[in-house]
N, C-alpha and C. Protein backbone atom coordinates (compact mmCIF):
# COMPACT_ATOMS: atom_id res chain seq x y z
N MET A 1 0.82 -1.19 0.00
CA MET A 1 0.00 0.00 0.00
C MET A 1 0.87 1.25 0.00
N GLN A 2 1.87 1.29 0.87
CA GLN A 2 2.77 2.43 0.97
C GLN A 2 3.56 2.60 -0.32
N ARG A 3 3.98 1.48 -0.91
CA ARG A 3 4.77 1.52 -2.14
C ARG A 3 3.93 2.11 -3.28
N THR A 4 2.66 1.76 -3.37
CA THR A 4 1.77 2.29 -4.40
C THR A 4 1.62 3.80 -4.25
N ARG A 5 1.47 4.24 -3.02
CA ARG A 5 1.34 5.68 -2.75
C ARG A 5 2.61 6.43 -3.18
N ILE A 6 3.75 5.87 -2.91
CA ILE A 6 5.02 6.50 -3.29
C ILE A 6 5.14 6.56 -4.82
N LEU A 7 4.76 5.48 -5.49
CA LEU A 7 4.80 5.47 -6.96
C LEU A 7 3.90 6.55 -7.54
N TRP A 8 2.71 6.71 -6.96
CA TRP A 8 1.79 7.75 -7.44
C TRP A 8 2.36 9.14 -7.19
N LEU A 9 2.98 9.35 -6.06
CA LEU A 9 3.58 10.66 -5.76
C LEU A 9 4.73 10.96 -6.72
N VAL A 10 5.55 9.97 -7.02
CA VAL A 10 6.65 10.15 -7.97
C VAL A 10 6.08 10.46 -9.36
N ALA A 11 5.05 9.73 -9.76
CA ALA A 11 4.44 9.96 -11.07
C ALA A 11 3.85 11.38 -11.14
N ALA A 12 3.20 11.82 -10.07
CA ALA A 12 2.62 13.17 -10.04
C ALA A 12 3.72 14.22 -10.11
N LEU A 13 4.81 13.99 -9.41
CA LEU A 13 5.94 14.92 -9.43
C LEU A 13 6.54 15.03 -10.83
N ILE A 14 6.72 13.89 -11.48
CA ILE A 14 7.27 13.88 -12.85
C ILE A 14 6.32 14.60 -13.79
N ALA A 15 5.02 14.31 -13.67
CA ALA A 15 4.04 14.95 -14.56
C ALA A 15 4.03 16.46 -14.37
N SER A 16 4.08 16.91 -13.11
CA SER A 16 4.06 18.35 -12.87
C SER A 16 5.33 19.01 -13.39
N THR A 17 6.46 18.33 -13.29
CA THR A 17 7.71 18.86 -13.83
C THR A 17 7.65 18.99 -15.34
N VAL A 18 7.12 17.96 -15.99
CA VAL A 18 7.00 17.98 -17.46
C VAL A 18 6.07 19.10 -17.89
N LEU A 19 4.93 19.22 -17.22
CA LEU A 19 3.97 20.27 -17.58
C LEU A 19 4.56 21.67 -17.37
N THR A 20 5.29 21.85 -16.28
CA THR A 20 5.92 23.15 -16.02
C THR A 20 6.95 23.46 -17.09
N ALA A 21 7.77 22.49 -17.43
CA ALA A 21 8.79 22.69 -18.45
C ALA A 21 8.15 22.98 -19.80
N ALA A 22 7.06 22.29 -20.12
CA ALA A 22 6.37 22.50 -21.39
C ALA A 22 5.77 23.89 -21.45
N SER A 23 5.18 24.36 -20.34
CA SER A 23 4.57 25.69 -20.36
C SER A 23 5.63 26.78 -20.45
N VAL A 24 6.77 26.59 -19.80
CA VAL A 24 7.86 27.57 -19.91
C VAL A 24 8.40 27.57 -21.34
N GLY A 25 8.57 26.40 -21.91
CA GLY A 25 9.04 26.30 -23.30
C GLY A 25 8.06 26.94 -24.26
N TYR A 26 6.78 26.76 -24.02
CA TYR A 26 5.76 27.35 -24.89
C TYR A 26 5.81 28.87 -24.81
N ALA A 27 6.05 29.41 -23.63
CA ALA A 27 6.10 30.86 -23.46
C ALA A 27 7.29 31.47 -24.20
N ASP A 28 8.34 30.68 -24.41
CA ASP A 28 9.54 31.19 -25.07
C ASP A 28 9.55 30.94 -26.57
N GLN A 29 8.42 30.53 -27.16
CA GLN A 29 8.42 30.16 -28.56
C GLN A 29 8.49 31.33 -29.51
N GLY A 30 8.34 32.53 -29.05
CA GLY A 30 8.46 33.66 -29.94
C GLY A 30 7.13 34.30 -30.27
N PRO A 31 7.03 34.88 -31.48
CA PRO A 31 5.85 35.67 -31.82
C PRO A 31 4.60 34.81 -31.89
N SER A 32 3.49 35.44 -31.50
CA SER A 32 2.21 34.75 -31.54
C SER A 32 1.70 34.66 -32.97
N ARG A 33 0.63 33.93 -33.15
CA ARG A 33 0.01 33.79 -34.46
C ARG A 33 -0.41 35.17 -35.00
N GLY A 34 -0.97 36.00 -34.13
CA GLY A 34 -1.37 37.34 -34.54
C GLY A 34 -0.18 38.18 -34.97
N ASP A 35 0.92 38.08 -34.21
CA ASP A 35 2.13 38.83 -34.58
C ASP A 35 2.65 38.37 -35.94
N ARG A 36 2.60 37.07 -36.18
CA ARG A 36 3.05 36.56 -37.48
C ARG A 36 2.15 37.07 -38.61
N MET A 37 0.83 37.14 -38.34
CA MET A 37 -0.09 37.63 -39.36
C MET A 37 0.24 39.09 -39.71
N PHE A 38 0.44 39.93 -38.69
CA PHE A 38 0.73 41.34 -38.95
C PHE A 38 2.09 41.51 -39.63
N SER A 39 3.03 40.67 -39.25
CA SER A 39 4.35 40.71 -39.88
C SER A 39 4.25 40.34 -41.36
N ARG A 40 3.48 39.30 -41.64
CA ARG A 40 3.29 38.85 -43.02
C ARG A 40 2.56 39.92 -43.83
N LEU A 41 1.54 40.54 -43.24
CA LEU A 41 0.83 41.62 -43.93
C LEU A 41 1.77 42.78 -44.22
N GLN A 42 2.57 43.14 -43.23
CA GLN A 42 3.49 44.26 -43.42
C GLN A 42 4.47 43.96 -44.55
N ARG A 43 4.99 42.76 -44.57
CA ARG A 43 5.95 42.38 -45.60
C ARG A 43 5.28 42.31 -46.98
N ASN A 44 4.14 41.65 -47.07
CA ASN A 44 3.49 41.44 -48.36
C ASN A 44 2.86 42.70 -48.95
N LEU A 45 2.38 43.59 -48.08
CA LEU A 45 1.71 44.80 -48.57
C LEU A 45 2.60 46.04 -48.52
N GLY A 46 3.76 45.90 -47.88
CA GLY A 46 4.63 47.07 -47.73
C GLY A 46 4.04 48.10 -46.78
N LEU A 47 3.45 47.63 -45.68
CA LEU A 47 2.82 48.53 -44.71
C LEU A 47 3.88 49.26 -43.89
N THR A 48 3.56 50.46 -43.50
CA THR A 48 4.41 51.20 -42.57
C THR A 48 4.11 50.71 -41.16
N ASP A 49 5.00 51.03 -40.23
CA ASP A 49 4.76 50.66 -38.83
C ASP A 49 3.48 51.30 -38.31
N ASP A 50 3.21 52.54 -38.72
CA ASP A 50 2.00 53.24 -38.30
C ASP A 50 0.75 52.52 -38.82
N GLN A 51 0.78 52.06 -40.06
CA GLN A 51 -0.36 51.33 -40.61
C GLN A 51 -0.59 50.03 -39.83
N VAL A 52 0.47 49.32 -39.52
CA VAL A 52 0.35 48.07 -38.76
C VAL A 52 -0.26 48.36 -37.39
N THR A 53 0.17 49.41 -36.74
CA THR A 53 -0.37 49.78 -35.43
C THR A 53 -1.87 50.07 -35.52
N GLN A 54 -2.28 50.81 -36.54
CA GLN A 54 -3.70 51.13 -36.70
C GLN A 54 -4.52 49.87 -36.99
N ILE A 55 -4.01 49.01 -37.84
CA ILE A 55 -4.72 47.78 -38.19
C ILE A 55 -4.80 46.85 -36.98
N ARG A 56 -3.71 46.76 -36.23
CA ARG A 56 -3.70 45.93 -35.02
C ARG A 56 -4.77 46.42 -34.03
N THR A 57 -4.93 47.73 -33.90
CA THR A 57 -5.94 48.30 -33.01
C THR A 57 -7.34 47.90 -33.45
N ILE A 58 -7.59 47.93 -34.75
CA ILE A 58 -8.91 47.52 -35.28
C ILE A 58 -9.17 46.06 -34.94
N TYR A 59 -8.18 45.20 -35.15
CA TYR A 59 -8.36 43.79 -34.84
C TYR A 59 -8.59 43.56 -33.36
N GLN A 60 -7.90 44.31 -32.52
CA GLN A 60 -8.08 44.16 -31.07
C GLN A 60 -9.48 44.58 -30.64
N GLN A 61 -10.05 45.57 -31.32
CA GLN A 61 -11.41 46.02 -31.01
C GLN A 61 -12.42 44.91 -31.29
N HIS A 62 -12.17 44.08 -32.27
CA HIS A 62 -13.09 43.03 -32.68
C HIS A 62 -12.77 41.67 -32.08
N ARG A 63 -11.64 41.55 -31.40
CA ARG A 63 -11.15 40.25 -30.95
C ARG A 63 -12.15 39.51 -30.04
N ASP A 64 -12.70 40.18 -29.04
CA ASP A 64 -13.60 39.50 -28.11
C ASP A 64 -14.88 39.05 -28.80
N ALA A 65 -15.43 39.91 -29.67
CA ALA A 65 -16.65 39.54 -30.40
C ALA A 65 -16.38 38.35 -31.30
N GLN A 66 -15.23 38.35 -31.97
CA GLN A 66 -14.88 37.23 -32.85
C GLN A 66 -14.71 35.94 -32.05
N ARG A 67 -14.03 36.04 -30.94
CA ARG A 67 -13.78 34.85 -30.12
C ARG A 67 -15.10 34.25 -29.63
N THR A 68 -15.99 35.09 -29.13
CA THR A 68 -17.29 34.61 -28.65
C THR A 68 -18.09 34.00 -29.79
N LEU A 69 -18.09 34.67 -30.92
CA LEU A 69 -18.84 34.18 -32.08
C LEU A 69 -18.32 32.82 -32.53
N TRP A 70 -17.01 32.67 -32.65
CA TRP A 70 -16.44 31.41 -33.15
C TRP A 70 -16.61 30.28 -32.13
N GLN A 71 -16.60 30.61 -30.84
CA GLN A 71 -16.87 29.57 -29.84
C GLN A 71 -18.32 29.07 -29.98
N SER A 72 -19.25 30.01 -30.17
CA SER A 72 -20.66 29.63 -30.36
C SER A 72 -20.82 28.81 -31.64
N LEU A 73 -20.13 29.21 -32.69
CA LEU A 73 -20.22 28.49 -33.95
C LEU A 73 -19.69 27.06 -33.80
N ARG A 74 -18.52 26.91 -33.20
CA ARG A 74 -17.97 25.57 -33.01
C ARG A 74 -18.91 24.69 -32.20
N GLN A 75 -19.49 25.26 -31.14
CA GLN A 75 -20.42 24.50 -30.30
C GLN A 75 -21.66 24.09 -31.10
N SER A 76 -22.21 25.01 -31.86
CA SER A 76 -23.41 24.72 -32.66
C SER A 76 -23.12 23.69 -33.74
N GLN A 77 -21.94 23.79 -34.36
CA GLN A 77 -21.58 22.81 -35.38
C GLN A 77 -21.41 21.41 -34.77
N THR A 78 -20.84 21.35 -33.58
CA THR A 78 -20.68 20.07 -32.88
C THR A 78 -22.05 19.49 -32.57
N GLU A 79 -22.95 20.32 -32.08
CA GLU A 79 -24.30 19.85 -31.76
C GLU A 79 -25.02 19.37 -33.02
N LEU A 80 -24.84 20.09 -34.12
CA LEU A 80 -25.47 19.69 -35.38
C LEU A 80 -24.93 18.33 -35.85
N ARG A 81 -23.61 18.14 -35.76
CA ARG A 81 -23.03 16.85 -36.14
C ARG A 81 -23.60 15.73 -35.28
N GLN A 82 -23.70 15.98 -33.98
CA GLN A 82 -24.22 14.96 -33.08
C GLN A 82 -25.68 14.63 -33.41
N LEU A 83 -26.47 15.65 -33.70
CA LEU A 83 -27.87 15.42 -34.08
C LEU A 83 -27.97 14.61 -35.37
N ALA A 84 -27.17 15.01 -36.36
CA ALA A 84 -27.22 14.34 -37.66
C ALA A 84 -26.75 12.89 -37.55
N LEU A 85 -25.66 12.67 -36.83
CA LEU A 85 -25.13 11.32 -36.70
C LEU A 85 -25.98 10.43 -35.80
N GLY A 86 -26.66 11.06 -34.84
CA GLY A 86 -27.47 10.30 -33.89
C GLY A 86 -28.91 10.12 -34.31
N GLY A 87 -29.24 10.48 -35.54
CA GLY A 87 -30.61 10.32 -36.00
C GLY A 87 -31.57 11.26 -35.31
N GLY A 88 -31.15 12.49 -35.10
CA GLY A 88 -31.98 13.48 -34.42
C GLY A 88 -33.25 13.82 -35.18
N ASP A 89 -34.15 14.45 -34.47
CA ASP A 89 -35.42 14.89 -35.03
C ASP A 89 -35.16 15.88 -36.18
N PRO A 90 -35.81 15.70 -37.34
CA PRO A 90 -35.59 16.59 -38.49
C PRO A 90 -35.85 18.08 -38.18
N ASN A 91 -36.85 18.36 -37.35
CA ASN A 91 -37.13 19.76 -36.99
C ASN A 91 -36.00 20.35 -36.14
N THR A 92 -35.48 19.56 -35.23
CA THR A 92 -34.36 20.01 -34.39
C THR A 92 -33.11 20.24 -35.25
N ILE A 93 -32.89 19.34 -36.20
CA ILE A 93 -31.74 19.48 -37.09
C ILE A 93 -31.90 20.75 -37.94
N ALA A 94 -33.09 21.00 -38.46
CA ALA A 94 -33.34 22.19 -39.27
C ALA A 94 -33.11 23.46 -38.45
N THR A 95 -33.56 23.45 -37.20
CA THR A 95 -33.35 24.61 -36.32
C THR A 95 -31.86 24.84 -36.08
N LYS A 96 -31.13 23.75 -35.85
CA LYS A 96 -29.69 23.86 -35.59
C LYS A 96 -28.96 24.34 -36.84
N LYS A 97 -29.37 23.86 -38.03
CA LYS A 97 -28.78 24.32 -39.29
C LYS A 97 -28.98 25.83 -39.47
N THR A 98 -30.17 26.30 -39.12
CA THR A 98 -30.46 27.74 -39.21
C THR A 98 -29.56 28.52 -38.25
N GLN A 99 -29.38 27.98 -37.06
CA GLN A 99 -28.51 28.65 -36.07
C GLN A 99 -27.07 28.72 -36.59
N VAL A 100 -26.57 27.63 -37.15
CA VAL A 100 -25.20 27.62 -37.69
C VAL A 100 -25.08 28.63 -38.83
N ALA A 101 -26.07 28.66 -39.71
CA ALA A 101 -26.04 29.60 -40.83
C ALA A 101 -26.04 31.05 -40.34
N GLN A 102 -26.82 31.33 -39.30
CA GLN A 102 -26.85 32.69 -38.75
C GLN A 102 -25.50 33.07 -38.14
N LEU A 103 -24.87 32.14 -37.45
CA LEU A 103 -23.56 32.42 -36.86
C LEU A 103 -22.51 32.64 -37.94
N LEU A 104 -22.57 31.85 -39.01
CA LEU A 104 -21.66 32.04 -40.14
C LEU A 104 -21.86 33.42 -40.76
N ALA A 105 -23.10 33.82 -40.91
CA ALA A 105 -23.41 35.14 -41.48
C ALA A 105 -22.90 36.26 -40.57
N GLN A 106 -23.03 36.07 -39.26
CA GLN A 106 -22.50 37.07 -38.32
C GLN A 106 -20.99 37.18 -38.43
N GLY A 107 -20.31 36.04 -38.61
CA GLY A 107 -18.86 36.04 -38.78
C GLY A 107 -18.46 36.78 -40.04
N LEU A 108 -19.21 36.54 -41.12
CA LEU A 108 -18.94 37.24 -42.37
C LEU A 108 -19.15 38.74 -42.20
N ASP A 109 -20.22 39.13 -41.53
CA ASP A 109 -20.48 40.55 -41.28
C ASP A 109 -19.35 41.19 -40.49
N LEU A 110 -18.85 40.48 -39.49
CA LEU A 110 -17.76 41.01 -38.67
C LEU A 110 -16.49 41.17 -39.49
N ARG A 111 -16.19 40.19 -40.36
CA ARG A 111 -15.00 40.30 -41.22
C ARG A 111 -15.13 41.46 -42.20
N VAL A 112 -16.31 41.63 -42.77
CA VAL A 112 -16.53 42.74 -43.71
C VAL A 112 -16.39 44.08 -42.98
N GLN A 113 -16.95 44.16 -41.80
CA GLN A 113 -16.84 45.39 -41.01
C GLN A 113 -15.37 45.72 -40.71
N THR A 114 -14.60 44.70 -40.37
CA THR A 114 -13.17 44.89 -40.11
C THR A 114 -12.45 45.38 -41.36
N LEU A 115 -12.72 44.75 -42.50
CA LEU A 115 -12.09 45.18 -43.75
C LEU A 115 -12.48 46.61 -44.12
N GLN A 116 -13.73 46.97 -43.84
CA GLN A 116 -14.17 48.33 -44.14
C GLN A 116 -13.42 49.35 -43.28
N GLN A 117 -13.04 48.96 -42.07
CA GLN A 117 -12.27 49.86 -41.22
C GLN A 117 -10.80 49.88 -41.62
N VAL A 118 -10.29 48.76 -42.13
CA VAL A 118 -8.89 48.68 -42.55
C VAL A 118 -8.68 49.41 -43.88
N GLY A 119 -9.65 49.34 -44.77
CA GLY A 119 -9.52 49.91 -46.11
C GLY A 119 -8.97 51.32 -46.16
N PRO A 120 -9.54 52.27 -45.40
CA PRO A 120 -9.05 53.65 -45.47
C PRO A 120 -7.60 53.84 -45.00
N ILE A 121 -7.07 52.89 -44.25
CA ILE A 121 -5.69 52.99 -43.76
C ILE A 121 -4.71 52.66 -44.88
N LEU A 122 -5.16 51.85 -45.84
CA LEU A 122 -4.28 51.37 -46.90
C LEU A 122 -4.27 52.32 -48.10
N THR A 123 -3.19 52.25 -48.85
CA THR A 123 -3.13 52.96 -50.12
C THR A 123 -3.96 52.18 -51.13
N PRO A 124 -4.35 52.79 -52.25
CA PRO A 124 -5.10 52.04 -53.26
C PRO A 124 -4.36 50.77 -53.72
N ALA A 125 -3.06 50.85 -53.89
CA ALA A 125 -2.29 49.68 -54.33
C ALA A 125 -2.32 48.58 -53.26
N GLN A 126 -2.20 48.97 -51.99
CA GLN A 126 -2.24 47.99 -50.91
C GLN A 126 -3.61 47.34 -50.81
N ARG A 127 -4.68 48.13 -50.99
CA ARG A 127 -6.04 47.57 -50.97
C ARG A 127 -6.22 46.54 -52.08
N ASP A 128 -5.75 46.88 -53.29
CA ASP A 128 -5.87 45.96 -54.41
C ASP A 128 -5.11 44.66 -54.13
N LYS A 129 -3.90 44.79 -53.60
CA LYS A 129 -3.09 43.61 -53.33
C LYS A 129 -3.73 42.75 -52.24
N LEU A 130 -4.25 43.38 -51.19
CA LEU A 130 -4.91 42.63 -50.12
C LEU A 130 -6.14 41.91 -50.66
N ALA A 131 -6.91 42.56 -51.51
CA ALA A 131 -8.10 41.93 -52.09
C ALA A 131 -7.71 40.71 -52.91
N GLN A 132 -6.57 40.74 -53.58
CA GLN A 132 -6.11 39.62 -54.40
C GLN A 132 -5.54 38.48 -53.56
N MET A 133 -5.08 38.79 -52.36
CA MET A 133 -4.42 37.79 -51.52
C MET A 133 -5.40 36.75 -50.97
N GLY A 134 -6.63 37.11 -50.77
CA GLY A 134 -7.62 36.16 -50.28
C GLY A 134 -7.57 35.97 -48.78
N PRO A 135 -8.34 35.00 -48.27
CA PRO A 135 -8.49 34.82 -46.82
C PRO A 135 -7.19 34.46 -46.10
N ALA A 136 -6.27 33.79 -46.75
CA ALA A 136 -5.03 33.39 -46.08
C ALA A 136 -4.21 34.60 -45.64
N ALA A 137 -4.40 35.74 -46.28
CA ALA A 137 -3.65 36.94 -45.93
C ALA A 137 -3.96 37.39 -44.51
N MET A 138 -5.17 37.14 -44.05
CA MET A 138 -5.59 37.59 -42.73
C MET A 138 -5.58 36.46 -41.71
N GLY A 139 -4.84 35.40 -42.01
CA GLY A 139 -4.73 34.31 -41.05
C GLY A 139 -5.85 33.30 -41.18
N ARG A 140 -6.65 33.42 -42.21
CA ARG A 140 -7.73 32.45 -42.44
C ARG A 140 -7.42 31.71 -43.71
N GLY A 141 -8.10 30.64 -43.91
CA GLY A 141 -7.93 29.92 -45.16
C GLY A 141 -7.44 28.51 -44.93
N HIS A 142 -7.13 27.85 -46.01
CA HIS A 142 -6.75 26.44 -45.99
C HIS A 142 -5.42 26.25 -45.27
N ARG A 143 -5.37 25.34 -44.33
CA ARG A 143 -4.16 25.12 -43.54
C ARG A 143 -3.34 23.92 -44.02
N GLY A 144 -3.91 23.11 -44.87
CA GLY A 144 -3.22 21.91 -45.32
C GLY A 144 -2.24 22.21 -46.43
N PRO A 145 -1.72 21.17 -47.05
CA PRO A 145 -0.79 21.37 -48.15
C PRO A 145 -1.50 22.04 -49.33
N LYS A 146 -0.76 22.86 -50.02
CA LYS A 146 -1.33 23.54 -51.18
C LYS A 146 -1.54 22.55 -52.31
N PRO A 147 -2.66 22.70 -53.04
CA PRO A 147 -2.89 21.80 -54.16
C PRO A 147 -1.89 22.09 -55.28
N PRO A 148 -1.57 21.08 -56.09
CA PRO A 148 -0.62 21.31 -57.18
C PRO A 148 -1.18 22.33 -58.16
N GLN A 149 -0.30 23.19 -58.65
CA GLN A 149 -0.72 24.20 -59.62
C GLN A 149 -0.56 23.64 -61.02
N SER A 150 -1.54 23.96 -61.87
CA SER A 150 -1.49 23.41 -63.23
C SER A 150 -0.75 24.32 -64.17
């Protein structure tokens, strides 16, 4: 009995050490995903530091709303999958589909609103280039390997 308790204490100590080391290592990994996005935008569009600061401020203003919206969307999509896979009631599935569609539309509205605020900060050439870059320019888009180009 005593030996089992000691083994559990040693295992807990090792686990806590590993978790602490992992969290310290994670903190030292460098720039965040957002920082990389702004860096990439600055490089690709030729933004000035002042433009990056203004754009970063706009994104920070929308960050909480976006986070809440996407959490709701993920939850609703999970519920919809569970209903569909579990043979849920067709009316309940239809209601959930409507909810997911509304959340997607809200996300689109928020992205358009953000772009409308960013637009005046950019030069005409920068706006054109950003429009051509697509969703990946703003940290969205396909994350897997790129398809072969023909």
